[in-house]
PDB file of all heavy atoms in Angstrom:
ATOM      1  N   VAL A   1      61.344  -0.915  49.170  1.00  0.00           N
ATOM      2  CA  VAL A   1      60.358  -2.115  49.121  1.00  0.00           C
ATOM      3  C   VAL A   1      58.979  -1.560  49.395  1.00  0.00           C
ATOM      4  O   VAL A   1      58.098  -1.738  48.485  1.00  0.00           O
ATOM      5  CB  VAL A   1      60.624  -3.219  50.191  1.00  0.00           C
ATOM      6  CG1 VAL A   1      59.644  -4.301  50.037  1.00  0.00           C
ATOM      7  CG2 VAL A   1      62.037  -3.742  50.036  1.00  0.00           C
ATOM      8  N   TYR A   2      58.770  -0.754  50.346  1.00  0.00           N
ATOM      9  CA  TYR A   2      57.493  -0.235  50.613  1.00  0.00           C
ATOM     10  C   TYR A   2      56.990   0.902  49.672  1.00  0.00           C
ATOM     11  O   TYR A   2      55.707   1.085  49.477  1.00  0.00           O
ATOM     12  CB  TYR A   2      57.323   0.373  52.092  1.00  0.00           C
ATOM     13  CG  TYR A   2      57.059  -0.697  53.084  1.00  0.00           C
ATOM     14  CD1 TYR A   2      58.093  -0.927  53.949  1.00  0.00           C
ATOM     15  CD2 TYR A   2      55.837  -1.320  53.273  1.00  0.00           C
ATOM     16  CE1 TYR A   2      57.892  -2.046  54.977  1.00  0.00           C
ATOM     17  CE2 TYR A   2      55.681  -2.363  54.085  1.00  0.00           C
ATOM     18  CZ  TYR A   2      56.679  -2.630  55.076  1.00  0.00           C
ATOM     19  OH  TYR A   2      56.453  -3.602  55.919  1.00  0.00           O
ATOM     20  N   SER A   3      57.893   1.399  48.924  1.00  0.00           N
ATOM     21  CA  SER A   3      57.426   2.393  47.760  1.00  0.00           C
ATOM     22  C   SER A   3      56.990   1.635  46.689  1.00  0.00           C
ATOM     23  O   SER A   3      56.351   2.153  45.716  1.00  0.00           O
ATOM     24  CB  SER A   3      58.671   3.357  47.520  1.00  0.00           C
ATOM     25  OG  SER A   3      59.615   2.711  46.785  1.00  0.00           O
ATOM     26  N   ASN A   4      57.268   0.388  46.481  1.00  0.00           N
ATOM     27  CA  ASN A   4      56.857  -0.546  45.388  1.00  0.00           C
ATOM     28  C   ASN A   4      55.749  -1.476  45.717  1.00  0.00           C
ATOM     29  O   ASN A   4      55.033  -1.911  44.803  1.00  0.00           O
ATOM     30  CB  ASN A   4      58.052  -1.272  44.915  1.00  0.00           C
ATOM     31  CG  ASN A   4      58.959  -0.320  43.946  1.00  0.00           C
ATOM     32  OD1 ASN A   4      58.760  -0.113  42.791  1.00  0.00           O
ATOM     33  ND2 ASN A   4      59.952   0.178  44.630  1.00  0.00           N
ATOM     34  N   PHE A   5      55.667  -1.955  46.960  1.00  0.00           N
ATOM     35  CA  PHE A   5      54.705  -2.995  47.361  1.00  0.00           C
ATOM     36  C   PHE A   5      54.145  -2.547  48.843  1.00  0.00           C
ATOM     37  O   PHE A   5      54.795  -2.115  49.606  1.00  0.00           O
ATOM     38  CB  PHE A   5      55.390  -4.294  47.516  1.00  0.00           C
ATOM     39  CG  PHE A   5      56.091  -4.759  46.275  1.00  0.00           C
ATOM     40  CD1 PHE A   5      57.448  -4.520  46.159  1.00  0.00           C
ATOM     41  CD2 PHE A   5      55.379  -5.333  45.263  1.00  0.00           C
ATOM     42  CE1 PHE A   5      58.163  -4.971  45.128  1.00  0.00           C
ATOM     43  CE2 PHE A   5      56.086  -5.735  44.050  1.00  0.00           C
ATOM     44  CZ  PHE A   5      57.446  -5.555  43.963  1.00  0.00           C
ATOM     45  N   ARG A   6      52.759  -2.629  48.923  1.00  0.00           N
ATOM     46  CA  ARG A   6      52.095  -2.415  50.129  1.00  0.00           C
ATOM     47  C   ARG A   6      52.646  -3.126  51.317  1.00  0.00           C
ATOM     48  O   ARG A   6      52.844  -2.568  52.460  1.00  0.00           O
ATOM     49  CB  ARG A   6      50.614  -2.536  50.009  1.00  0.00           C
ATOM     50  CG  ARG A   6      49.963  -1.384  49.273  1.00  0.00           C
ATOM     51  CD  ARG A   6      48.468  -1.625  49.287  1.00  0.00           C
ATOM     52  NE  ARG A   6      48.081  -2.962  48.645  1.00  0.00           N
ATOM     53  CZ  ARG A   6      47.267  -3.715  49.137  1.00  0.00           C
ATOM     54  NH1 ARG A   6      46.623  -3.599  50.348  1.00  0.00           N
ATOM     55  NH2 ARG A   6      47.017  -4.952  48.543  1.00  0.00           N
ATOM     56  N   ASN A   7      52.917  -4.437  51.042  1.00  0.00           N
ATOM     57  CA  ASN A   7      53.309  -5.352  52.105  1.00  0.00           C
ATOM     58  C   ASN A   7      53.851  -6.584  51.531  1.00  0.00           C
ATOM     59  O   ASN A   7      53.940  -6.765  50.296  1.00  0.00           O
ATOM     60  CB  ASN A   7      52.035  -5.656  53.059  1.00  0.00           C
ATOM     61  CG  ASN A   7      50.932  -6.081  52.234  1.00  0.00           C
ATOM     62  OD1 ASN A   7      50.985  -6.834  51.270  1.00  0.00           O
ATOM     63  ND2 ASN A   7      49.615  -5.681  52.698  1.00  0.00           N
ATOM     64  N   LYS A   8      54.242  -7.476  52.385  1.00  0.00           N
ATOM     65  CA  LYS A   8      54.775  -8.800  51.940  1.00  0.00           C
ATOM     66  C   LYS A   8      53.909  -9.596  51.090  1.00  0.00           C
ATOM     67  O   LYS A   8      54.269 -10.351  50.158  1.00  0.00           O
ATOM     68  CB  LYS A   8      55.275  -9.588  53.146  1.00  0.00           C
ATOM     69  CG  LYS A   8      55.885 -10.907  53.007  1.00  0.00           C
ATOM     70  CD  LYS A   8      56.395 -11.525  54.179  1.00  0.00           C
ATOM     71  CE  LYS A   8      56.624 -12.932  54.212  1.00  0.00           C
ATOM     72  NZ  LYS A   8      56.931 -13.530  55.467  1.00  0.00           N
ATOM     73  N   ASP A   9      52.557  -9.573  51.449  1.00  0.00           N
ATOM     74  CA  ASP A   9      51.663 -10.377  50.746  1.00  0.00           C
ATOM     75  C   ASP A   9      51.459  -9.846  49.242  1.00  0.00           C
ATOM     76  O   ASP A   9      51.292 -10.654  48.302  1.00  0.00           O
ATOM     77  CB  ASP A   9      50.211 -10.325  51.374  1.00  0.00           C
ATOM     78  CG  ASP A   9      50.170 -11.137  52.630  1.00  0.00           C
ATOM     79  OD1 ASP A   9      51.093 -12.000  52.803  1.00  0.00           O
ATOM     80  OD2 ASP A   9      49.363 -10.889  53.469  1.00  0.00           O
ATOM     81  N   GLU A  10      51.535  -8.490  49.040  1.00  0.00           N
ATOM     82  CA  GLU A  10      51.383  -8.023  47.685  1.00  0.00           C
ATOM     83  C   GLU A  10      52.672  -8.450  46.872  1.00  0.00           C
ATOM     84  O   GLU A  10      52.565  -8.797  45.796  1.00  0.00           O
ATOM     85  CB  GLU A  10      51.319  -6.490  47.735  1.00  0.00           C
ATOM     86  CG  GLU A  10      51.169  -5.883  46.270  1.00  0.00           C
ATOM     87  CD  GLU A  10      51.180  -4.388  46.207  1.00  0.00           C
ATOM     88  OE1 GLU A  10      51.279  -3.771  47.308  1.00  0.00           O
ATOM     89  OE2 GLU A  10      50.951  -3.825  45.156  1.00  0.00           O
ATOM     90  N   LEU A  11      53.825  -8.389  47.569  1.00  0.00           N
ATOM     91  CA  LEU A  11      54.929  -8.852  46.833  1.00  0.00           C
ATOM     92  C   LEU A  11      54.919 -10.291  46.472  1.00  0.00           C
ATOM     93  O   LEU A  11      55.334 -10.725  45.369  1.00  0.00           O
ATOM     94  CB  LEU A  11      56.294  -8.487  47.787  1.00  0.00           C
ATOM     95  CG  LEU A  11      57.662  -8.998  47.315  1.00  0.00           C
ATOM     96  CD1 LEU A  11      57.981  -8.453  45.801  1.00  0.00           C
ATOM     97  CD2 LEU A  11      58.668  -8.593  48.329  1.00  0.00           C
ATOM     98  N   CYS A  12      54.402 -11.093  47.409  1.00  0.00           N
ATOM     99  CA  CYS A  12      54.116 -12.499  47.189  1.00  0.00           C
ATOM    100  C   CYS A  12      53.322 -12.825  46.011  1.00  0.00           C
ATOM    101  O   CYS A  12      53.569 -13.605  45.142  1.00  0.00           O
ATOM    102  CB  CYS A  12      53.690 -13.147  48.463  1.00  0.00           C
ATOM    103  SG  CYS A  12      53.540 -14.923  48.340  1.00  0.00           S
ATOM    104  N   LEU A  13      52.250 -11.967  45.969  1.00  0.00           N
ATOM    105  CA  LEU A  13      51.292 -12.096  44.835  1.00  0.00           C
ATOM    106  C   LEU A  13      51.996 -11.855  43.444  1.00  0.00           C
ATOM    107  O   LEU A  13      51.718 -12.543  42.471  1.00  0.00           O
ATOM    108  CB  LEU A  13      50.058 -11.234  44.971  1.00  0.00           C
ATOM    109  CG  LEU A  13      49.057 -11.707  46.147  1.00  0.00           C
ATOM    110  CD1 LEU A  13      48.110 -10.579  46.398  1.00  0.00           C
ATOM    111  CD2 LEU A  13      48.363 -12.961  45.720  1.00  0.00           C
ATOM    112  N   VAL A  14      52.827 -10.872  43.432  1.00  0.00           N
ATOM    113  CA  VAL A  14      53.549 -10.503  42.214  1.00  0.00           C
ATOM    114  C   VAL A  14      54.496 -11.759  41.857  1.00  0.00           C
ATOM    115  O   VAL A  14      54.579 -12.100  40.634  1.00  0.00           O
ATOM    116  CB  VAL A  14      54.361  -9.175  42.351  1.00  0.00           C
ATOM    117  CG1 VAL A  14      55.270  -9.060  41.200  1.00  0.00           C
ATOM    118  CG2 VAL A  14      53.393  -8.052  42.538  1.00  0.00           C
ATOM    119  N   VAL A  15      55.152 -12.297  42.883  1.00  0.00           N
ATOM    120  CA  VAL A  15      56.012 -13.573  42.583  1.00  0.00           C
ATOM    121  C   VAL A  15      55.109 -14.649  42.047  1.00  0.00           C
ATOM    122  O   VAL A  15      55.451 -15.414  41.108  1.00  0.00           O
ATOM    123  CB  VAL A  15      56.740 -13.901  43.795  1.00  0.00           C
ATOM    124  CG1 VAL A  15      57.443 -15.257  43.534  1.00  0.00           C
ATOM    125  CG2 VAL A  15      57.831 -12.877  44.076  1.00  0.00           C
ATOM    126  N   LEU A  16      53.930 -14.875  42.700  1.00  0.00           N
ATOM    127  CA  LEU A  16      53.028 -16.037  42.205  1.00  0.00           C
ATOM    128  C   LEU A  16      52.608 -15.775  40.856  1.00  0.00           C
ATOM    129  O   LEU A  16      52.481 -16.731  40.023  1.00  0.00           O
ATOM    130  CB  LEU A  16      51.873 -16.114  43.163  1.00  0.00           C
ATOM    131  CG  LEU A  16      51.998 -16.809  44.470  1.00  0.00           C
ATOM    132  CD1 LEU A  16      50.849 -16.786  45.299  1.00  0.00           C
ATOM    133  CD2 LEU A  16      52.548 -18.214  44.216  1.00  0.00           C
ATOM    134  N   ASP A  17      52.373 -14.523  40.473  1.00  0.00           N
ATOM    135  CA  ASP A  17      51.902 -14.212  39.022  1.00  0.00           C
ATOM    136  C   ASP A  17      52.982 -14.745  38.069  1.00  0.00           C
ATOM    137  O   ASP A  17      52.764 -15.184  37.085  1.00  0.00           O
ATOM    138  CB  ASP A  17      51.606 -12.731  38.963  1.00  0.00           C
ATOM    139  CG  ASP A  17      50.306 -12.259  39.533  1.00  0.00           C
ATOM    140  OD1 ASP A  17      49.430 -13.079  39.831  1.00  0.00           O
ATOM    141  OD2 ASP A  17      50.170 -11.082  39.742  1.00  0.00           O
ATOM    142  N   ARG A  18      54.250 -14.440  38.392  1.00  0.00           N
ATOM    143  CA  ARG A  18      55.383 -14.689  37.639  1.00  0.00           C
ATOM    144  C   ARG A  18      55.475 -16.345  37.449  1.00  0.00           C
ATOM    145  O   ARG A  18      55.529 -16.919  36.317  1.00  0.00           O
ATOM    146  CB  ARG A  18      56.682 -14.377  38.118  1.00  0.00           C
ATOM    147  CG  ARG A  18      57.043 -12.900  37.816  1.00  0.00           C
ATOM    148  CD  ARG A  18      58.418 -12.714  38.399  1.00  0.00           C
ATOM    149  NE  ARG A  18      59.029 -11.475  37.952  1.00  0.00           N
ATOM    150  CZ  ARG A  18      60.299 -11.109  38.177  1.00  0.00           C
ATOM    151  NH1 ARG A  18      61.113 -11.948  38.775  1.00  0.00           N
ATOM    152  NH2 ARG A  18      60.710  -9.966  37.796  1.00  0.00           N
ATOM    153  N   LEU A  19      55.301 -16.982  38.599  1.00  0.00           N
ATOM    154  CA  LEU A  19      55.421 -18.419  38.587  1.00  0.00           C
ATOM    155  C   LEU A  19      54.261 -19.160  37.858  1.00  0.00           C
ATOM    156  O   LEU A  19      54.552 -20.044  37.053  1.00  0.00           O
ATOM    157  CB  LEU A  19      55.413 -18.967  39.968  1.00  0.00           C
ATOM    158  CG  LEU A  19      56.615 -18.575  40.852  1.00  0.00           C
ATOM    159  CD1 LEU A  19      56.546 -19.154  42.335  1.00  0.00           C
ATOM    160  CD2 LEU A  19      57.939 -19.138  40.258  1.00  0.00           C
ATOM    161  N   TYR A  20      53.029 -18.549  37.962  1.00  0.00           N
ATOM    162  CA  TYR A  20      51.918 -19.064  37.226  1.00  0.00           C
ATOM    163  C   TYR A  20      52.123 -18.814  35.669  1.00  0.00           C
ATOM    164  O   TYR A  20      51.729 -19.719  35.033  1.00  0.00           O
ATOM    165  CB  TYR A  20      50.638 -18.453  37.728  1.00  0.00           C
ATOM    166  CG  TYR A  20      50.199 -18.754  39.175  1.00  0.00           C
ATOM    167  CD1 TYR A  20      49.223 -18.002  39.786  1.00  0.00           C
ATOM    168  CD2 TYR A  20      50.722 -19.803  39.869  1.00  0.00           C
ATOM    169  CE1 TYR A  20      48.874 -18.372  41.111  1.00  0.00           C
ATOM    170  CE2 TYR A  20      50.328 -20.107  41.158  1.00  0.00           C
ATOM    171  CZ  TYR A  20      49.381 -19.362  41.776  1.00  0.00           C
ATOM    172  OH  TYR A  20      49.004 -19.594  43.051  1.00  0.00           O
ATOM    173  N   ALA A  21      52.502 -17.620  35.367  1.00  0.00           N
ATOM    174  CA  ALA A  21      52.751 -17.360  34.026  1.00  0.00           C
ATOM    175  C   ALA A  21      53.698 -18.248  33.412  1.00  0.00           C
ATOM    176  O   ALA A  21      53.580 -18.863  32.269  1.00  0.00           O
ATOM    177  CB  ALA A  21      53.250 -15.984  33.836  1.00  0.00           C
ATOM    178  N   GLU A  22      54.809 -18.618  34.117  1.00  0.00           N
ATOM    179  CA  GLU A  22      55.876 -19.524  33.552  1.00  0.00           C
ATOM    180  C   GLU A  22      55.284 -20.952  33.353  1.00  0.00           C
ATOM    181  O   GLU A  22      55.405 -21.500  32.407  1.00  0.00           O
ATOM    182  CB  GLU A  22      56.964 -19.611  34.571  1.00  0.00           C
ATOM    183  CG  GLU A  22      57.891 -18.520  34.695  1.00  0.00           C
ATOM    184  CD  GLU A  22      58.929 -18.513  35.670  1.00  0.00           C
ATOM    185  OE1 GLU A  22      59.068 -19.665  36.426  1.00  0.00           O
ATOM    186  OE2 GLU A  22      59.583 -17.572  36.219  1.00  0.00           O
ATOM    187  N   ARG A  23      54.353 -21.317  34.367  1.00  0.00           N
ATOM    188  CA  ARG A  23      53.829 -22.707  34.317  1.00  0.00           C
ATOM    189  C   ARG A  23      52.863 -22.838  33.122  1.00  0.00           C
ATOM    190  O   ARG A  23      52.981 -23.857  32.494  1.00  0.00           O
ATOM    191  CB  ARG A  23      53.115 -22.975  35.645  1.00  0.00           C
ATOM    192  CG  ARG A  23      53.290 -24.264  36.155  1.00  0.00           C
ATOM    193  CD  ARG A  23      52.713 -24.379  37.578  1.00  0.00           C
ATOM    194  NE  ARG A  23      53.783 -23.979  38.550  1.00  0.00           N
ATOM    195  CZ  ARG A  23      53.490 -23.849  39.915  1.00  0.00           C
ATOM    196  NH1 ARG A  23      52.294 -24.155  40.332  1.00  0.00           N
ATOM    197  NH2 ARG A  23      54.385 -23.497  40.731  1.00  0.00           N
ATOM    198  N   ILE A  24      52.068 -21.786  32.993  1.00  0.00           N
ATOM    199  CA  ILE A  24      51.067 -21.877  31.771  1.00  0.00           C
ATOM    200  C   ILE A  24      51.821 -21.868  30.538  1.00  0.00           C
ATOM    201  O   ILE A  24      51.523 -22.561  29.585  1.00  0.00           O
ATOM    202  CB  ILE A  24      50.103 -20.718  31.911  1.00  0.00           C
ATOM    203  CG1 ILE A  24      49.198 -20.769  33.037  1.00  0.00           C
ATOM    204  CG2 ILE A  24      49.380 -20.485  30.555  1.00  0.00           C
ATOM    205  CD1 ILE A  24      48.413 -22.035  33.053  1.00  0.00           C
ATOM    206  N   ALA A  25      52.918 -21.022  30.376  1.00  0.00           N
ATOM    207  CA  ALA A  25      53.715 -20.993  29.163  1.00  0.00           C
ATOM    208  C   ALA A  25      54.362 -22.319  28.861  1.00  0.00           C
ATOM    209  O   ALA A  25      54.459 -22.748  27.690  1.00  0.00           O
ATOM    210  CB  ALA A  25      54.738 -19.933  29.258  1.00  0.00           C
ATOM    211  N   GLU A  26      54.895 -23.003  29.965  1.00  0.00           N
ATOM    212  CA  GLU A  26      55.559 -24.387  29.781  1.00  0.00           C
ATOM    213  C   GLU A  26      54.503 -25.393  29.418  1.00  0.00           C
ATOM    214  O   GLU A  26      54.789 -26.249  28.506  1.00  0.00           O
ATOM    215  CB  GLU A  26      56.218 -24.842  31.040  1.00  0.00           C
ATOM    216  CG  GLU A  26      57.565 -23.899  31.345  1.00  0.00           C
ATOM    217  CD  GLU A  26      58.137 -24.271  32.654  1.00  0.00           C
ATOM    218  OE1 GLU A  26      57.882 -25.261  33.192  1.00  0.00           O
ATOM    219  OE2 GLU A  26      58.948 -23.444  33.189  1.00  0.00           O
ATOM    220  N   ILE A  27      53.300 -25.321  29.963  1.00  0.00           N
ATOM    221  CA  ILE A  27      52.287 -26.442  29.476  1.00  0.00           C
ATOM    222  C   ILE A  27      51.835 -26.129  28.117  1.00  0.00           C
ATOM    223  O   ILE A  27      51.717 -26.958  27.245  1.00  0.00           O
ATOM    224  CB  ILE A  27      51.101 -26.273  30.484  1.00  0.00           C
ATOM    225  CG1 ILE A  27      51.529 -26.717  31.985  1.00  0.00           C
ATOM    226  CG2 ILE A  27      49.935 -27.161  29.972  1.00  0.00           C
ATOM    227  CD1 ILE A  27      50.466 -26.477  32.911  1.00  0.00           C
ATOM    228  N   GLY A  28      51.787 -24.794  27.809  1.00  0.00           N
ATOM    229  CA  GLY A  28      51.492 -24.504  26.408  1.00  0.00           C
ATOM    230  C   GLY A  28      52.450 -25.000  25.386  1.00  0.00           C
ATOM    231  O   GLY A  28      52.106 -25.477  24.400  1.00  0.00           O
ATOM    232  N   ARG A  29      53.646 -24.802  25.744  1.00  0.00           N
ATOM    233  CA  ARG A  29      54.824 -25.384  24.908  1.00  0.00           C
ATOM    234  C   ARG A  29      54.737 -26.925  24.789  1.00  0.00           C
ATOM    235  O   ARG A  29      54.925 -27.368  23.655  1.00  0.00           O
ATOM    236  CB  ARG A  29      56.212 -25.001  25.347  1.00  0.00           C
ATOM    237  CG  ARG A  29      56.585 -23.550  25.062  1.00  0.00           C
ATOM    238  CD  ARG A  29      58.025 -23.210  25.392  1.00  0.00           C
ATOM    239  NE  ARG A  29      58.347 -23.190  26.768  1.00  0.00           N
ATOM    240  CZ  ARG A  29      58.150 -22.107  27.521  1.00  0.00           C
ATOM    241  NH1 ARG A  29      57.669 -21.020  27.002  1.00  0.00           N
ATOM    242  NH2 ARG A  29      58.404 -22.227  28.861  1.00  0.00           N
ATOM    243  N   ALA A  30      54.407 -27.572  25.785  1.00  0.00           N
ATOM    244  CA  ALA A  30      54.228 -29.008  25.727  1.00  0.00           C
ATOM    245  C   ALA A  30      53.196 -29.413  24.861  1.00  0.00           C
ATOM    246  O   ALA A  30      53.268 -30.463  24.103  1.00  0.00           O
ATOM    247  CB  ALA A  30      54.030 -29.508  27.206  1.00  0.00           C
ATOM    248  N   PHE A  31      52.041 -28.728  24.773  1.00  0.00           N
ATOM    249  CA  PHE A  31      50.944 -29.016  23.877  1.00  0.00           C
ATOM    250  C   PHE A  31      50.907 -28.244  22.546  1.00  0.00           C
ATOM    251  O   PHE A  31      49.891 -28.034  21.912  1.00  0.00           O
ATOM    252  CB  PHE A  31      49.563 -28.701  24.592  1.00  0.00           C
ATOM    253  CG  PHE A  31      49.409 -29.935  25.564  1.00  0.00           C
ATOM    254  CD1 PHE A  31      49.577 -29.889  26.950  1.00  0.00           C
ATOM    255  CD2 PHE A  31      48.764 -31.153  25.043  1.00  0.00           C
ATOM    256  CE1 PHE A  31      49.256 -30.949  27.787  1.00  0.00           C
ATOM    257  CE2 PHE A  31      48.390 -32.134  25.928  1.00  0.00           C
ATOM    258  CZ  PHE A  31      48.657 -32.011  27.237  1.00  0.00           C
ATOM    259  N   SER A  32      52.167 -27.973  22.063  1.00  0.00           N
ATOM    260  CA  SER A  32      52.216 -27.240  20.693  1.00  0.00           C
ATOM    261  C   SER A  32      53.200 -28.082  19.888  1.00  0.00           C
ATOM    262  O   SER A  32      54.327 -28.462  20.262  1.00  0.00           O
ATOM    263  CB  SER A  32      52.816 -25.803  20.826  1.00  0.00           C
ATOM    264  OG  SER A  32      54.003 -25.808  21.424  1.00  0.00           O
ATOM    265  N   GLY A  33      52.781 -28.345  18.691  1.00  0.00           N
ATOM    266  CA  GLY A  33      53.624 -29.094  17.720  1.00  0.00           C
ATOM    267  C   GLY A  33      53.678 -30.588  17.971  1.00  0.00           C
ATOM    268  O   GLY A  33      53.504 -31.033  19.070  1.00  0.00           O
ATOM    269  N   GLY A  34      53.805 -31.246  16.871  1.00  0.00           N
ATOM    270  CA  GLY A  34      53.822 -32.820  17.005  1.00  0.00           C
ATOM    271  C   GLY A  34      52.493 -33.366  17.021  1.00  0.00           C
ATOM    272  O   GLY A  34      51.391 -32.762  16.978  1.00  0.00           O
ATOM    273  N   THR A  35      52.419 -34.652  17.127  1.00  0.00           N
ATOM    274  CA  THR A  35      51.230 -35.382  17.352  1.00  0.00           C
ATOM    275  C   THR A  35      50.551 -35.233  18.697  1.00  0.00           C
ATOM    276  O   THR A  35      51.305 -34.659  19.611  1.00  0.00           O
ATOM    277  CB  THR A  35      51.398 -36.972  17.026  1.00  0.00           C
ATOM    278  OG1 THR A  35      52.261 -37.435  18.105  1.00  0.00           O
ATOM    279  CG2 THR A  35      52.125 -37.156  15.711  1.00  0.00           C
ATOM    280  N   LEU A  36      49.416 -35.597  18.877  1.00  0.00           N
ATOM    281  CA  LEU A  36      48.842 -35.614  20.148  1.00  0.00           C
ATOM    282  C   LEU A  36      49.653 -36.419  21.173  1.00  0.00           C
ATOM    283  O   LEU A  36      49.734 -35.998  22.325  1.00  0.00           O
ATOM    284  CB  LEU A  36      47.328 -35.950  20.171  1.00  0.00           C
ATOM    285  CG  LEU A  36      46.551 -35.817  21.414  1.00  0.00           C
ATOM    286  CD1 LEU A  36      46.589 -34.401  21.775  1.00  0.00           C
ATOM    287  CD2 LEU A  36      45.103 -36.266  21.148  1.00  0.00           C
TER     288      LEU A  36
END
């Protein structure tokens, strides 16, 4: 773990990046195609 992440907070930030990217992608899909 420590050879890949400095500490728990850095690991947490990587997880948050994933969650945020998923969220943005899902909102993007909601607003693509079809009428407004």
